[in-house]
All heavy atoms as atom14 arrays in JSON, in Angstrom:
{
  "sequence": "ERNANADWSARQAKFETDKKVAEAQHATWEQEVAAALGSQSTMPE",
  "atom14_mask": [
    [1, 1, 1, 1, 1, 1, 1, 1, 1, 0, 0, 0, 0, 0],
    [1, 1, 1, 1, 1, 1, 1, 1, 1, 1, 1, 0, 0, 0],
    [1, 1, 1, 1, 1, 1, 1, 1, 0, 0, 0, 0, 0, 0],
    [1, 1, 1, 1, 1, 0, 0, 0, 0, 0, 0, 0, 0, 0],
    [1, 1, 1, 1, 1, 1, 1, 1, 0, 0, 0, 0, 0, 0],
    [1, 1, 1, 1, 1, 0, 0, 0, 0, 0, 0, 0, 0, 0],
    [1, 1, 1, 1, 1, 1, 1, 1, 0, 0, 0, 0, 0, 0],
    [1, 1, 1, 1, 1, 1, 1, 1, 1, 1, 1, 1, 1, 1],
    [1, 1, 1, 1, 1, 1, 0, 0, 0, 0, 0, 0, 0, 0],
    [1, 1, 1, 1, 1, 0, 0, 0, 0, 0, 0, 0, 0, 0],
    [1, 1, 1, 1, 1, 1, 1, 1, 1, 1, 1, 0, 0, 0],
    [1, 1, 1, 1, 1, 1, 1, 1, 1, 0, 0, 0, 0, 0],
    [1, 1, 1, 1, 1, 0, 0, 0, 0, 0, 0, 0, 0, 0],
    [1, 1, 1, 1, 1, 1, 1, 1, 1, 0, 0, 0, 0, 0],
    [1, 1, 1, 1, 1, 1, 1, 1, 1, 1, 1, 0, 0, 0],
    [1, 1, 1, 1, 1, 1, 1, 1, 1, 0, 0, 0, 0, 0],
    [1, 1, 1, 1, 1, 1, 1, 0, 0, 0, 0, 0, 0, 0],
    [1, 1, 1, 1, 1, 1, 1, 1, 0, 0, 0, 0, 0, 0],
    [1, 1, 1, 1, 1, 1, 1, 1, 1, 0, 0, 0, 0, 0],
    [1, 1, 1, 1, 1, 1, 1, 1, 1, 0, 0, 0, 0, 0],
    [1, 1, 1, 1, 1, 1, 1, 0, 0, 0, 0, 0, 0, 0],
    [1, 1, 1, 1, 1, 0, 0, 0, 0, 0, 0, 0, 0, 0],
    [1, 1, 1, 1, 1, 1, 1, 1, 1, 0, 0, 0, 0, 0],
    [1, 1, 1, 1, 1, 0, 0, 0, 0, 0, 0, 0, 0, 0],
    [1, 1, 1, 1, 1, 1, 1, 1, 1, 0, 0, 0, 0, 0],
    [1, 1, 1, 1, 1, 1, 1, 1, 1, 1, 0, 0, 0, 0],
    [1, 1, 1, 1, 1, 0, 0, 0, 0, 0, 0, 0, 0, 0],
    [1, 1, 1, 1, 1, 1, 1, 0, 0, 0, 0, 0, 0, 0],
    [1, 1, 1, 1, 1, 1, 1, 1, 1, 1, 1, 1, 1, 1],
    [1, 1, 1, 1, 1, 1, 1, 1, 1, 0, 0, 0, 0, 0],
    [1, 1, 1, 1, 1, 1, 1, 1, 1, 0, 0, 0, 0, 0],
    [1, 1, 1, 1, 1, 1, 1, 1, 1, 0, 0, 0, 0, 0],
    [1, 1, 1, 1, 1, 1, 1, 0, 0, 0, 0, 0, 0, 0],
    [1, 1, 1, 1, 1, 0, 0, 0, 0, 0, 0, 0, 0, 0],
    [1, 1, 1, 1, 1, 0, 0, 0, 0, 0, 0, 0, 0, 0],
    [1, 1, 1, 1, 1, 0, 0, 0, 0, 0, 0, 0, 0, 0],
    [1, 1, 1, 1, 1, 1, 1, 1, 0, 0, 0, 0, 0, 0],
    [1, 1, 1, 1, 0, 0, 0, 0, 0, 0, 0, 0, 0, 0],
    [1, 1, 1, 1, 1, 1, 0, 0, 0, 0, 0, 0, 0, 0],
    [1, 1, 1, 1, 1, 1, 1, 1, 1, 0, 0, 0, 0, 0],
    [1, 1, 1, 1, 1, 1, 0, 0, 0, 0, 0, 0, 0, 0],
    [1, 1, 1, 1, 1, 1, 1, 0, 0, 0, 0, 0, 0, 0],
    [1, 1, 1, 1, 1, 1, 1, 1, 0, 0, 0, 0, 0, 0],
    [1, 1, 1, 1, 1, 1, 1, 0, 0, 0, 0, 0, 0, 0],
    [1, 1, 1, 1, 1, 1, 1, 1, 1, 0, 0, 0, 0, 0]
  ],
  "atom14_positions": [
    [[0.81, -1.21, -0.01], [0.0, 0.01, 0.0], [0.85, 1.25, 0.0], [0.57, 2.22, -0.72], [-0.94, 0.02, 1.21], [-1.93, 1.15, 1.2], [-2.82, 1.11, 2.45], [-2.41, 1.68, 3.5], [-3.94, 0.57, 2.34], [0.0, 0.0, 0.0], [0.0, 0.0, 0.0], [0.0, 0.0, 0.0], [0.0, 0.0, 0.0], [0.0, 0.0, 0.0]],
    [[1.93, 1.26, 0.77], [2.84, 2.4, 0.76], [3.45, 2.61, -0.59], [3.62, 3.75, -1.06], [3.91, 2.24, 1.86], [3.41, 2.38, 3.28], [4.52, 2.49, 4.26], [5.33, 1.27, 4.32], [5.05, 0.22, 5.07], [3.96, 0.22, 5.83], [5.84, -0.85, 5.09], [0.0, 0.0, 0.0], [0.0, 0.0, 0.0], [0.0, 0.0, 0.0]],
    [[3.84, 1.53, -1.26], [4.4, 1.64, -2.6], [3.37, 2.28, -3.58], [3.72, 3.07, -4.44], [4.8, 0.26, -3.14], [6.01, -0.31, -2.42], [6.76, 0.42, -1.78], [6.18, -1.63, -2.47], [0.0, 0.0, 0.0], [0.0, 0.0, 0.0], [0.0, 0.0, 0.0], [0.0, 0.0, 0.0], [0.0, 0.0, 0.0], [0.0, 0.0, 0.0]],
    [[2.1, 1.87, -3.4], [1.05, 2.41, -4.28], [0.84, 3.91, -4.11], [0.42, 4.6, -5.02], [-0.25, 1.68, -4.06], [0.0, 0.0, 0.0], [0.0, 0.0, 0.0], [0.0, 0.0, 0.0], [0.0, 0.0, 0.0], [0.0, 0.0, 0.0], [0.0, 0.0, 0.0], [0.0, 0.0, 0.0], [0.0, 0.0, 0.0], [0.0, 0.0, 0.0]],
    [[1.19, 4.39, -2.89], [0.99, 5.84, -2.6], [2.28, 6.62, -2.64], [2.35, 7.73, -2.08], [0.33, 5.97, -1.21], [-1.12, 5.51, -1.23], [-1.94, 6.06, -1.96], [-1.45, 4.52, -0.38], [0.0, 0.0, 0.0], [0.0, 0.0, 0.0], [0.0, 0.0, 0.0], [0.0, 0.0, 0.0], [0.0, 0.0, 0.0], [0.0, 0.0, 0.0]],
    [[3.29, 6.08, -3.33], [4.58, 6.76, -3.41], [4.44, 8.13, -4.09], [5.21, 9.06, -3.84], [5.6, 5.91, -4.12], [0.0, 0.0, 0.0], [0.0, 0.0, 0.0], [0.0, 0.0, 0.0], [0.0, 0.0, 0.0], [0.0, 0.0, 0.0], [0.0, 0.0, 0.0], [0.0, 0.0, 0.0], [0.0, 0.0, 0.0], [0.0, 0.0, 0.0]],
    [[3.46, 8.27, -4.98], [3.27, 9.52, -5.71], [2.18, 10.39, -5.06], [1.65, 11.3, -5.72], [2.88, 9.21, -7.16], [1.54, 8.49, -7.28], [1.06, 7.95, -6.24], [0.96, 8.46, -8.38], [0.0, 0.0, 0.0], [0.0, 0.0, 0.0], [0.0, 0.0, 0.0], [0.0, 0.0, 0.0], [0.0, 0.0, 0.0], [0.0, 0.0, 0.0]],
    [[1.86, 10.13, -3.82], [0.75, 10.86, -3.15], [1.0, 12.36, -3.13], [0.11, 13.16, -3.46], [0.54, 10.32, -1.79], [-0.48, 11.07, -0.93], [-0.3, 11.66, 0.26], [-1.88, 11.23, -1.25], [-1.46, 12.23, 0.72], [-2.44, 11.97, -0.18], [-2.67, 10.88, -2.33], [-3.8, 12.37, -0.17], [-4.04, 11.27, -2.33], [-4.56, 11.99, -1.26]],
    [[2.2, 12.77, -2.8], [2.49, 14.2, -2.74], [2.34, 14.86, -4.1], [1.83, 15.96, -4.25], [3.92, 14.43, -2.18], [4.02, 13.98, -0.87], [0.0, 0.0, 0.0], [0.0, 0.0, 0.0], [0.0, 0.0, 0.0], [0.0, 0.0, 0.0], [0.0, 0.0, 0.0], [0.0, 0.0, 0.0], [0.0, 0.0, 0.0], [0.0, 0.0, 0.0]],
    [[2.82, 14.16, -5.15], [2.7, 14.68, -6.51], [1.24, 14.79, -6.92], [0.85, 15.78, -7.59], [3.47, 13.8, -7.46], [0.0, 0.0, 0.0], [0.0, 0.0, 0.0], [0.0, 0.0, 0.0], [0.0, 0.0, 0.0], [0.0, 0.0, 0.0], [0.0, 0.0, 0.0], [0.0, 0.0, 0.0], [0.0, 0.0, 0.0], [0.0, 0.0, 0.0]],
    [[0.4, 13.82, -6.56], [-0.98, 13.86, -6.92], [-1.69, 15.02, -6.18], [-2.59, 15.66, -6.76], [-1.66, 12.51, -6.64], [-1.25, 11.44, -7.61], [-2.16, 10.22, -7.52], [-1.97, 9.45, -6.3], [-2.96, 9.01, -5.57], [-4.19, 9.26, -5.87], [-2.69, 8.25, -4.49], [0.0, 0.0, 0.0], [0.0, 0.0, 0.0], [0.0, 0.0, 0.0]],
    [[-1.34, 15.21, -4.91], [-1.94, 16.34, -4.19], [-1.56, 17.65, -4.79], [-2.39, 18.56, -4.92], [-1.46, 16.28, -2.73], [-2.19, 15.24, -1.85], [-1.72, 15.35, -0.42], [-0.53, 15.26, -0.13], [-2.65, 15.52, 0.5], [0.0, 0.0, 0.0], [0.0, 0.0, 0.0], [0.0, 0.0, 0.0], [0.0, 0.0, 0.0], [0.0, 0.0, 0.0]],
    [[-0.28, 17.78, -5.19], [0.2, 19.04, -5.75], [-0.52, 19.31, -7.09], [-0.93, 20.44, -7.36], [1.68, 18.97, -5.98], [0.0, 0.0, 0.0], [0.0, 0.0, 0.0], [0.0, 0.0, 0.0], [0.0, 0.0, 0.0], [0.0, 0.0, 0.0], [0.0, 0.0, 0.0], [0.0, 0.0, 0.0], [0.0, 0.0, 0.0], [0.0, 0.0, 0.0]],
    [[-0.71, 18.28, -7.89], [-1.4, 18.46, -9.17], [-2.85, 18.88, -8.95], [-3.4, 19.72, -9.64], [-1.36, 17.16, -9.98], [-2.0, 17.3, -11.38], [-1.92, 16.0, -12.15], [-2.44, 16.19, -13.57], [-3.84, 16.71, -13.61], [0.0, 0.0, 0.0], [0.0, 0.0, 0.0], [0.0, 0.0, 0.0], [0.0, 0.0, 0.0], [0.0, 0.0, 0.0]],
    [[-3.48, 18.29, -7.92], [-4.88, 18.67, -7.61], [-4.95, 20.13, -7.22], [-5.85, 20.84, -7.7], [-5.41, 17.79, -6.48], [-6.67, 18.33, -5.85], [-7.88, 18.22, -6.52], [-6.66, 18.98, -4.6], [-9.05, 18.74, -5.96], [-7.8, 19.49, -4.05], [-9.0, 19.36, -4.73], [0.0, 0.0, 0.0], [0.0, 0.0, 0.0], [0.0, 0.0, 0.0]],
    [[-4.04, 20.59, -6.37], [-4.07, 21.99, -5.97], [-3.85, 22.93, -7.16], [-4.51, 24.0, -7.28], [-3.01, 22.27, -4.89], [-3.26, 21.54, -3.57], [-4.52, 22.0, -2.86], [-4.98, 23.12, -3.16], [-5.1, 21.21, -2.08], [0.0, 0.0, 0.0], [0.0, 0.0, 0.0], [0.0, 0.0, 0.0], [0.0, 0.0, 0.0], [0.0, 0.0, 0.0]],
    [[-2.98, 22.54, -8.06], [-2.76, 23.35, -9.29], [-4.03, 23.38, -10.12], [-4.47, 24.46, -10.58], [-1.58, 22.78, -10.09], [-0.41, 22.82, -9.28], [-1.35, 23.63, -11.35], [0.0, 0.0, 0.0], [0.0, 0.0, 0.0], [0.0, 0.0, 0.0], [0.0, 0.0, 0.0], [0.0, 0.0, 0.0], [0.0, 0.0, 0.0], [0.0, 0.0, 0.0]],
    [[-4.57, 22.21, -10.38], [-5.81, 22.12, -11.17], [-6.96, 22.88, -10.53], [-7.79, 23.49, -11.25], [-6.21, 20.65, -11.41], [-5.2, 19.88, -12.27], [-4.37, 20.56, -12.93], [-5.24, 18.65, -12.26], [0.0, 0.0, 0.0], [0.0, 0.0, 0.0], [0.0, 0.0, 0.0], [0.0, 0.0, 0.0], [0.0, 0.0, 0.0], [0.0, 0.0, 0.0]],
    [[-7.0, 22.86, -9.24], [-8.06, 23.56, -8.48], [-7.94, 25.06, -8.72], [-8.95, 25.74, -8.96], [-7.96, 23.22, -7.01], [-8.99, 23.92, -6.12], [-8.77, 23.57, -4.66], [-9.69, 24.38, -3.75], [-9.42, 24.1, -2.32], [0.0, 0.0, 0.0], [0.0, 0.0, 0.0], [0.0, 0.0, 0.0], [0.0, 0.0, 0.0], [0.0, 0.0, 0.0]],
    [[-6.69, 25.6, -8.63], [-6.47, 27.02, -8.85], [-6.86, 27.43, -10.29], [-7.45, 28.48, -10.5], [-5.05, 27.4, -8.54], [-4.66, 27.31, -7.06], [-5.46, 28.28, -6.24], [-5.05, 28.25, -4.78], [-5.89, 29.16, -3.92], [0.0, 0.0, 0.0], [0.0, 0.0, 0.0], [0.0, 0.0, 0.0], [0.0, 0.0, 0.0], [0.0, 0.0, 0.0]],
    [[-6.47, 26.58, -11.24], [-6.83, 26.86, -12.61], [-8.35, 26.87, -12.79], [-8.91, 27.75, -13.47], [-6.19, 25.79, -13.55], [-6.75, 25.9, -15.0], [-4.68, 25.91, -13.54], [0.0, 0.0, 0.0], [0.0, 0.0, 0.0], [0.0, 0.0, 0.0], [0.0, 0.0, 0.0], [0.0, 0.0, 0.0], [0.0, 0.0, 0.0], [0.0, 0.0, 0.0]],
    [[-9.03, 25.92, -12.18], [-10.48, 25.85, -12.29], [-11.13, 27.08, -11.65], [-12.11, 27.66, -12.18], [-11.0, 24.57, -11.64], [0.0, 0.0, 0.0], [0.0, 0.0, 0.0], [0.0, 0.0, 0.0], [0.0, 0.0, 0.0], [0.0, 0.0, 0.0], [0.0, 0.0, 0.0], [0.0, 0.0, 0.0], [0.0, 0.0, 0.0], [0.0, 0.0, 0.0]],
    [[-10.6, 27.53, -10.5], [-11.13, 28.7, -9.84], [-10.95, 29.93, -10.73], [-11.88, 30.78, -10.82], [-10.45, 28.93, -8.5], [-10.85, 27.87, -7.44], [-9.99, 27.99, -6.2], [-8.97, 28.69, -6.21], [-10.37, 27.36, -5.19], [0.0, 0.0, 0.0], [0.0, 0.0, 0.0], [0.0, 0.0, 0.0], [0.0, 0.0, 0.0], [0.0, 0.0, 0.0]],
    [[-9.8, 30.05, -11.37], [-9.54, 31.2, -12.24], [-10.48, 31.16, -13.47], [-11.05, 32.18, -13.9], [-8.09, 31.22, -12.71], [0.0, 0.0, 0.0], [0.0, 0.0, 0.0], [0.0, 0.0, 0.0], [0.0, 0.0, 0.0], [0.0, 0.0, 0.0], [0.0, 0.0, 0.0], [0.0, 0.0, 0.0], [0.0, 0.0, 0.0], [0.0, 0.0, 0.0]],
    [[-10.64, 30.0, -14.06], [-11.52, 29.83, -15.19], [-12.96, 30.13, -14.81], [-13.72, 30.73, -15.6], [-11.4, 28.41, -15.76], [-10.06, 28.11, -16.41], [-9.97, 28.71, -17.79], [-10.95, 29.24, -18.35], [-8.76, 28.71, -18.34], [0.0, 0.0, 0.0], [0.0, 0.0, 0.0], [0.0, 0.0, 0.0], [0.0, 0.0, 0.0], [0.0, 0.0, 0.0]],
    [[-13.35, 29.7, -13.61], [-14.71, 29.96, -13.15], [-14.94, 31.44, -12.94], [-16.01, 31.98, -13.26], [-14.93, 29.18, -11.83], [-16.38, 29.04, -11.46], [-17.08, 30.0, -10.77], [-17.29, 28.06, -11.71], [-18.33, 29.62, -10.57], [-18.49, 28.46, -11.16], [0.0, 0.0, 0.0], [0.0, 0.0, 0.0], [0.0, 0.0, 0.0], [0.0, 0.0, 0.0]],
    [[-13.94, 32.14, -12.39], [-14.09, 33.58, -12.15], [-14.22, 34.31, -13.5], [-15.03, 35.23, -13.63], [-12.86, 34.12, -11.38], [0.0, 0.0, 0.0], [0.0, 0.0, 0.0], [0.0, 0.0, 0.0], [0.0, 0.0, 0.0], [0.0, 0.0, 0.0], [0.0, 0.0, 0.0], [0.0, 0.0, 0.0], [0.0, 0.0, 0.0], [0.0, 0.0, 0.0]],
    [[-13.41, 33.91, -14.5], [-13.49, 34.52, -15.83], [-14.89, 34.27, -16.44], [-15.48, 35.17, -17.03], [-12.42, 33.94, -16.73], [-11.12, 34.21, -16.18], [-12.5, 34.55, -18.15], [0.0, 0.0, 0.0], [0.0, 0.0, 0.0], [0.0, 0.0, 0.0], [0.0, 0.0, 0.0], [0.0, 0.0, 0.0], [0.0, 0.0, 0.0], [0.0, 0.0, 0.0]],
    [[-15.36, 33.09, -16.28], [-16.71, 32.74, -16.84], [-17.81, 33.56, -16.18], [-18.72, 34.05, -16.84], [-16.95, 31.25, -16.67], [-18.36, 30.83, -16.98], [-18.94, 30.73, -18.19], [-19.35, 30.45, -16.0], [-20.28, 30.34, -18.07], [-20.54, 30.14, -16.74], [-19.37, 30.32, -14.64], [-21.7, 29.75, -16.11], [-20.52, 29.91, -14.01], [-21.69, 29.62, -14.76]],
    [[-17.69, 33.75, -14.84], [-18.67, 34.57, -14.12], [-18.69, 36.0, -14.66], [-19.77, 36.64, -14.8], [-18.39, 34.56, -12.62], [-18.73, 33.25, -11.92], [-18.43, 33.3, -10.45], [-17.51, 34.03, -10.05], [-19.12, 32.6, -9.71], [0.0, 0.0, 0.0], [0.0, 0.0, 0.0], [0.0, 0.0, 0.0], [0.0, 0.0, 0.0], [0.0, 0.0, 0.0]],
    [[-17.51, 36.52, -14.99], [-17.43, 37.88, -15.54], [-18.08, 37.91, -16.92], [-18.82, 38.85, -17.24], [-15.96, 38.31, -15.66], [-15.31, 38.53, -14.31], [-13.79, 38.81, -14.44], [-13.25, 38.85, -15.59], [-13.12, 39.01, -13.33], [0.0, 0.0, 0.0], [0.0, 0.0, 0.0], [0.0, 0.0, 0.0], [0.0, 0.0, 0.0], [0.0, 0.0, 0.0]],
    [[-17.88, 36.89, -17.7], [-18.51, 36.81, -19.04], [-20.04, 36.7, -18.93], [-20.76, 37.31, -19.73], [-17.96, 35.59, -19.8], [-16.49, 35.74, -20.17], [-15.91, 34.48, -20.77], [-16.65, 33.44, -20.78], [-14.75, 34.48, -21.22], [0.0, 0.0, 0.0], [0.0, 0.0, 0.0], [0.0, 0.0, 0.0], [0.0, 0.0, 0.0], [0.0, 0.0, 0.0]],
    [[-20.52, 35.96, -17.92], [-21.95, 35.85, -17.7], [-22.53, 37.21, -17.3], [-23.59, 37.65, -17.8], [-22.26, 34.78, -16.59], [-23.74, 34.89, -16.17], [-21.95, 33.4, -17.1], [0.0, 0.0, 0.0], [0.0, 0.0, 0.0], [0.0, 0.0, 0.0], [0.0, 0.0, 0.0], [0.0, 0.0, 0.0], [0.0, 0.0, 0.0], [0.0, 0.0, 0.0]],
    [[-21.82, 37.94, -16.41], [-22.3, 39.26, -15.98], [-22.35, 40.22, -17.15], [-23.3, 41.01, -17.34], [-21.41, 39.79, -14.9], [0.0, 0.0, 0.0], [0.0, 0.0, 0.0], [0.0, 0.0, 0.0], [0.0, 0.0, 0.0], [0.0, 0.0, 0.0], [0.0, 0.0, 0.0], [0.0, 0.0, 0.0], [0.0, 0.0, 0.0], [0.0, 0.0, 0.0]],
    [[-21.32, 40.15, -18.03], [-21.29, 41.02, -19.19], [-22.43, 40.69, -20.17], [-23.06, 41.59, -20.75], [-19.95, 40.9, -19.91], [0.0, 0.0, 0.0], [0.0, 0.0, 0.0], [0.0, 0.0, 0.0], [0.0, 0.0, 0.0], [0.0, 0.0, 0.0], [0.0, 0.0, 0.0], [0.0, 0.0, 0.0], [0.0, 0.0, 0.0], [0.0, 0.0, 0.0]],
    [[-22.7, 39.41, -20.31], [-23.78, 38.98, -21.2], [-25.14, 39.44, -20.69], [-26.04, 39.82, -21.45], [-23.75, 37.45, -21.37], [0.0, 0.0, 0.0], [0.0, 0.0, 0.0], [0.0, 0.0, 0.0], [0.0, 0.0, 0.0], [0.0, 0.0, 0.0], [0.0, 0.0, 0.0], [0.0, 0.0, 0.0], [0.0, 0.0, 0.0], [0.0, 0.0, 0.0]],
    [[-25.32, 39.39, -19.36], [-26.59, 39.88, -18.79], [-26.79, 41.36, -19.06], [-27.89, 41.8, -19.37], [-26.59, 39.63, -17.26], [-26.83, 38.18, -16.8], [-26.6, 38.08, -15.27], [-28.25, 37.78, -17.11], [0.0, 0.0, 0.0], [0.0, 0.0, 0.0], [0.0, 0.0, 0.0], [0.0, 0.0, 0.0], [0.0, 0.0, 0.0], [0.0, 0.0, 0.0]],
    [[-25.68, 42.13, -18.92], [-25.79, 43.54, -19.13], [-26.1, 43.9, -20.58], [-26.82, 44.86, -20.88], [0.0, 0.0, 0.0], [0.0, 0.0, 0.0], [0.0, 0.0, 0.0], [0.0, 0.0, 0.0], [0.0, 0.0, 0.0], [0.0, 0.0, 0.0], [0.0, 0.0, 0.0], [0.0, 0.0, 0.0], [0.0, 0.0, 0.0], [0.0, 0.0, 0.0]],
    [[-25.58, 43.15, -21.51], [-25.78, 43.43, -22.94], [-26.89, 42.6, -23.57], [-27.19, 42.75, -24.74], [-24.47, 43.18, -23.71], [-24.11, 41.79, -23.61], [0.0, 0.0, 0.0], [0.0, 0.0, 0.0], [0.0, 0.0, 0.0], [0.0, 0.0, 0.0], [0.0, 0.0, 0.0], [0.0, 0.0, 0.0], [0.0, 0.0, 0.0], [0.0, 0.0, 0.0]],
    [[-27.49, 41.75, -22.71], [-28.57, 40.86, -23.16], [-28.16, 40.02, -24.39], [-28.92, 39.77, -25.28], [-29.83, 41.65, -23.51], [-30.43, 42.37, -22.31], [-31.73, 43.09, -22.64], [-32.07, 43.29, -23.82], [-32.49, 43.48, -21.61], [0.0, 0.0, 0.0], [0.0, 0.0, 0.0], [0.0, 0.0, 0.0], [0.0, 0.0, 0.0], [0.0, 0.0, 0.0]],
    [[-26.9, 39.6, -24.36], [-26.39, 38.75, -25.43], [-26.46, 37.28, -25.0], [-26.91, 36.99, -23.89], [-24.93, 39.1, -25.79], [-24.12, 39.02, -24.61], [0.0, 0.0, 0.0], [0.0, 0.0, 0.0], [0.0, 0.0, 0.0], [0.0, 0.0, 0.0], [0.0, 0.0, 0.0], [0.0, 0.0, 0.0], [0.0, 0.0, 0.0], [0.0, 0.0, 0.0]],
    [[-26.02, 36.38, -25.88], [-26.11, 34.94, -25.57], [-25.2, 34.59, -24.4], [-24.08, 35.02, -24.28], [-25.64, 34.13, -26.81], [-26.42, 34.5, -27.91], [-25.78, 32.64, -26.54], [0.0, 0.0, 0.0], [0.0, 0.0, 0.0], [0.0, 0.0, 0.0], [0.0, 0.0, 0.0], [0.0, 0.0, 0.0], [0.0, 0.0, 0.0], [0.0, 0.0, 0.0]],
    [[-25.81, 33.79, -23.49], [-25.08, 33.4, -22.28], [-23.98, 32.4, -22.63], [-24.25, 31.41, -23.33], [-26.01, 32.75, -21.27], [-26.92, 33.71, -20.55], [-25.95, 34.74, -19.44], [-27.19, 35.93, -18.95], [0.0, 0.0, 0.0], [0.0, 0.0, 0.0], [0.0, 0.0, 0.0], [0.0, 0.0, 0.0], [0.0, 0.0, 0.0], [0.0, 0.0, 0.0]],
    [[-22.76, 32.67, -22.15], [-21.68, 31.7, -22.4], [-21.82, 30.48, -21.5], [-22.19, 30.58, -20.32], [-20.42, 32.51, -22.04], [-20.91, 33.47, -20.97], [-22.31, 33.82, -21.36], [0.0, 0.0, 0.0], [0.0, 0.0, 0.0], [0.0, 0.0, 0.0], [0.0, 0.0, 0.0], [0.0, 0.0, 0.0], [0.0, 0.0, 0.0], [0.0, 0.0, 0.0]],
    [[-21.6, 29.3, -22.03], [-21.62, 28.08, -21.24], [-20.32, 27.99, -20.42], [-19.27, 28.47, -20.83], [-21.76, 26.87, -22.13], [-23.07, 26.73, -22.83], [-23.19, 25.41, -23.6], [-22.23, 24.6, -23.57], [-24.21, 25.21, -24.25], [0.0, 0.0, 0.0], [0.0, 0.0, 0.0], [0.0, 0.0, 0.0], [0.0, 0.0, 0.0], [0.0, 0.0, 0.0]]
  ]
}
C-alpha cells in the first residue's frame, strides 16, 4: 500500500494546481456571464 501511494504528494500538488486553474476559469466565466446579462447577449456556457 505504501508503494502504491509513493506519488501521493505529487498527486496532491497536481490537484491544488488544477483547483487554482479551475477557480480562475470559473471567475473569468462569471465575468462573461455578468457582461452577457448587461448586454442581453447569448449566455456563455
